[in-house]
N, C-alpha and C. Protein backbone atom coordinates (compact mmCIF):
# COMPACT_ATOMS: atom_id res chain seq x y z
N MET A 1 101.66 69.14 110.22
CA MET A 1 101.38 70.59 110.11
C MET A 1 102.48 70.89 108.96
N PRO A 2 101.79 71.93 108.00
CA PRO A 2 102.97 72.31 106.96
C PRO A 2 104.19 73.08 107.27
N GLN A 3 105.06 73.14 106.83
CA GLN A 3 106.10 73.83 107.16
C GLN A 3 106.16 75.45 106.68
N LYS A 4 106.28 76.06 107.45
CA LYS A 4 106.16 77.68 107.34
C LYS A 4 107.36 78.16 106.26
N GLU A 5 107.10 79.12 105.59
CA GLU A 5 107.73 79.50 104.37
C GLU A 5 109.13 80.45 105.38
N PRO A 6 110.30 80.37 104.78
CA PRO A 6 111.25 80.97 105.64
C PRO A 6 111.29 82.67 105.52
N CYS A 7 110.36 83.25 104.58
CA CYS A 7 110.59 84.82 104.51
C CYS A 7 109.12 85.18 104.74
N GLN A 8 108.31 84.56 105.05
CA GLN A 8 106.92 84.64 105.17
C GLN A 8 106.49 86.11 106.27
N ASN A 9 107.37 86.08 107.16
CA ASN A 9 107.35 87.09 107.97
C ASN A 9 107.70 88.57 107.64
N GLN A 10 109.11 88.25 106.85
CA GLN A 10 109.25 89.63 105.99
C GLN A 10 108.26 89.83 105.00
N ALA A 11 107.61 89.40 104.39
CA ALA A 11 106.62 89.56 103.29
C ALA A 11 105.48 90.36 103.66
N CYS A 12 105.05 89.77 105.15
CA CYS A 12 103.73 90.21 105.62
C CYS A 12 104.23 91.72 106.45
N ALA A 13 105.54 91.89 106.82
CA ALA A 13 106.04 93.21 106.99
C ALA A 13 106.09 94.17 106.10
N ILE A 14 106.37 93.90 105.23
CA ILE A 14 106.33 94.72 104.07
C ILE A 14 104.75 95.34 103.61
N GLN A 15 104.16 94.51 103.66
CA GLN A 15 102.52 94.51 103.72
C GLN A 15 102.07 95.55 104.57
N ARG A 16 102.35 95.10 105.87
CA ARG A 16 102.06 96.04 106.88
C ARG A 16 102.82 97.53 106.84
N CYS A 17 103.78 97.71 106.39
CA CYS A 17 104.52 98.73 106.36
C CYS A 17 103.86 99.67 105.36
N SER A 18 103.77 98.83 104.07
CA SER A 18 103.15 99.73 102.86
C SER A 18 101.68 100.07 103.27
N GLN A 19 100.98 99.41 103.61
CA GLN A 19 99.44 99.74 104.23
C GLN A 19 99.79 101.09 105.07
N GLY A 20 100.53 100.70 106.26
CA GLY A 20 100.68 102.07 107.15
C GLY A 20 101.08 103.47 106.55
N ASN A 21 101.75 103.16 105.69
CA ASN A 21 102.60 104.38 104.84
C ASN A 21 102.04 104.85 103.77
N LYS A 22 100.73 104.39 103.61
CA LYS A 22 99.81 104.64 102.08
C LYS A 22 101.06 104.47 100.86
N TYR A 23 101.55 103.43 101.08
CA TYR A 23 102.11 102.80 99.82
C TYR A 23 103.25 103.35 99.24
N ILE A 24 104.13 104.23 100.63
CA ILE A 24 105.00 104.99 100.41
C ILE A 24 106.36 104.09 100.40
N ALA A 25 107.10 103.22 99.01
CA ALA A 25 108.09 102.57 99.25
C ALA A 25 109.33 102.93 100.11
N SER A 26 109.52 104.14 99.96
CA SER A 26 110.61 104.70 100.76
C SER A 26 110.88 104.99 101.91
N LEU A 27 109.66 104.85 102.66
CA LEU A 27 109.11 104.70 103.78
C LEU A 27 109.35 103.41 104.61
N CYS A 28 109.36 102.50 103.91
CA CYS A 28 109.78 100.91 104.14
C CYS A 28 110.81 100.38 103.49
N GLU A 29 111.88 100.93 103.76
CA GLU A 29 112.95 100.52 102.94
C GLU A 29 113.70 99.52 103.78
N ASP A 30 113.63 99.59 105.15
CA ASP A 30 114.39 98.57 106.07
C ASP A 30 113.68 97.12 105.77
N VAL A 31 111.98 97.29 105.82
CA VAL A 31 111.76 95.96 105.64
C VAL A 31 111.97 95.10 104.35
N ILE A 32 112.12 96.15 103.36
CA ILE A 32 112.44 95.59 102.02
C ILE A 32 113.62 95.12 101.80
N GLN A 33 114.47 95.47 102.59
CA GLN A 33 115.93 95.07 102.66
C GLN A 33 116.13 94.04 103.63
N ALA A 34 115.27 93.77 104.33
CA ALA A 34 114.97 92.35 105.26
C ALA A 34 114.47 91.20 104.48
N MET A 35 113.47 91.65 103.15
CA MET A 35 113.29 90.83 102.23
C MET A 35 114.17 90.29 101.23
N ARG A 36 114.91 91.36 100.80
CA ARG A 36 116.05 90.97 99.95
C ARG A 36 117.08 90.20 100.88
N LYS A 37 117.44 90.47 101.91
CA LYS A 37 118.44 89.66 102.33
C LYS A 37 117.67 87.95 102.85
N CYS A 38 116.58 88.01 103.26
CA CYS A 38 115.70 86.56 103.21
C CYS A 38 115.79 86.11 102.01
N CYS A 39 115.66 86.68 100.66
CA CYS A 39 115.26 86.01 99.42
C CYS A 39 116.86 85.69 99.12
N ALA A 40 117.74 85.94 99.75
CA ALA A 40 119.31 85.55 98.77
C ALA A 40 118.93 83.79 98.69
N GLY A 41 118.13 83.32 99.37
CA GLY A 41 117.75 81.57 99.23
C GLY A 41 116.61 81.71 98.38
N GLU A 42 116.39 80.60 97.96
CA GLU A 42 115.02 80.32 97.21
C GLU A 42 113.98 79.68 97.65
N ASN A 43 112.77 80.60 97.65
CA ASN A 43 111.45 79.74 98.35
C ASN A 43 110.33 80.52 97.55
N SER A 44 109.19 80.01 97.63
CA SER A 44 108.04 80.40 96.96
C SER A 44 107.50 81.61 97.66
N VAL A 45 107.61 82.09 98.59
CA VAL A 45 107.43 83.61 99.04
C VAL A 45 108.09 84.63 98.16
N CYS A 46 109.41 84.30 98.05
CA CYS A 46 110.07 85.40 96.94
C CYS A 46 109.78 85.15 95.74
N SER A 47 109.22 84.59 95.05
CA SER A 47 108.84 84.09 93.70
C SER A 47 108.14 85.76 93.42
N GLY A 48 108.61 86.09 92.31
CA GLY A 48 107.80 87.66 91.86
C GLY A 48 108.49 88.65 92.55
N PHE A 49 109.56 88.44 93.94
CA PHE A 49 109.93 89.89 94.43
C PHE A 49 111.19 89.94 93.96
N THR A 50 111.70 91.12 93.33
CA THR A 50 112.85 91.20 92.42
C THR A 50 113.94 91.85 93.26
N LYS A 51 115.11 90.74 93.38
CA LYS A 51 116.03 91.16 94.39
C LYS A 51 116.89 92.06 93.72
N GLN A 52 117.19 92.27 92.14
CA GLN A 52 118.05 92.97 91.38
C GLN A 52 117.82 94.47 91.93
N HIS A 53 116.85 95.01 91.99
CA HIS A 53 116.90 96.27 92.36
C HIS A 53 117.59 97.07 93.27
N LYS A 54 118.46 98.21 93.39
CA LYS A 54 119.33 98.66 94.32
C LYS A 54 119.00 99.59 95.26
N SER A 55 117.89 100.39 94.58
CA SER A 55 116.76 101.14 95.12
C SER A 55 115.30 100.80 95.04
N THR A 56 114.50 101.50 96.05
CA THR A 56 112.97 101.05 96.14
C THR A 56 112.46 101.43 95.03
N ASP A 57 111.60 100.86 93.92
CA ASP A 57 111.04 101.33 93.02
C ASP A 57 109.45 100.82 93.34
N THR A 58 108.63 101.39 93.60
CA THR A 58 107.28 101.33 93.89
C THR A 58 106.31 100.19 92.93
N LYS A 59 106.51 100.76 91.82
CA LYS A 59 105.86 99.71 90.86
C LYS A 59 106.54 98.32 90.74
N THR A 60 107.85 98.13 90.87
CA THR A 60 107.98 96.75 90.77
C THR A 60 108.51 96.12 92.24
N VAL A 61 108.57 97.11 93.42
CA VAL A 61 108.88 95.84 94.37
C VAL A 61 107.34 95.86 95.37
N LEU A 62 106.43 96.48 95.10
CA LEU A 62 105.36 96.33 95.94
C LEU A 62 104.23 96.19 94.76
């Protein structure tokens, strides 16, 4: 059985939150922060996820 990606749950939480909040990133800040924390380590789910941003920018995060 393939190994599950460590941050996949957080990535899915961002998608669910974004869809449920009409893609207003500021309403999903808690799940975005959880993803940043998880992405402190390297894994493929985090490729493309920008860790440098201190505030939420819809165009770069989502």
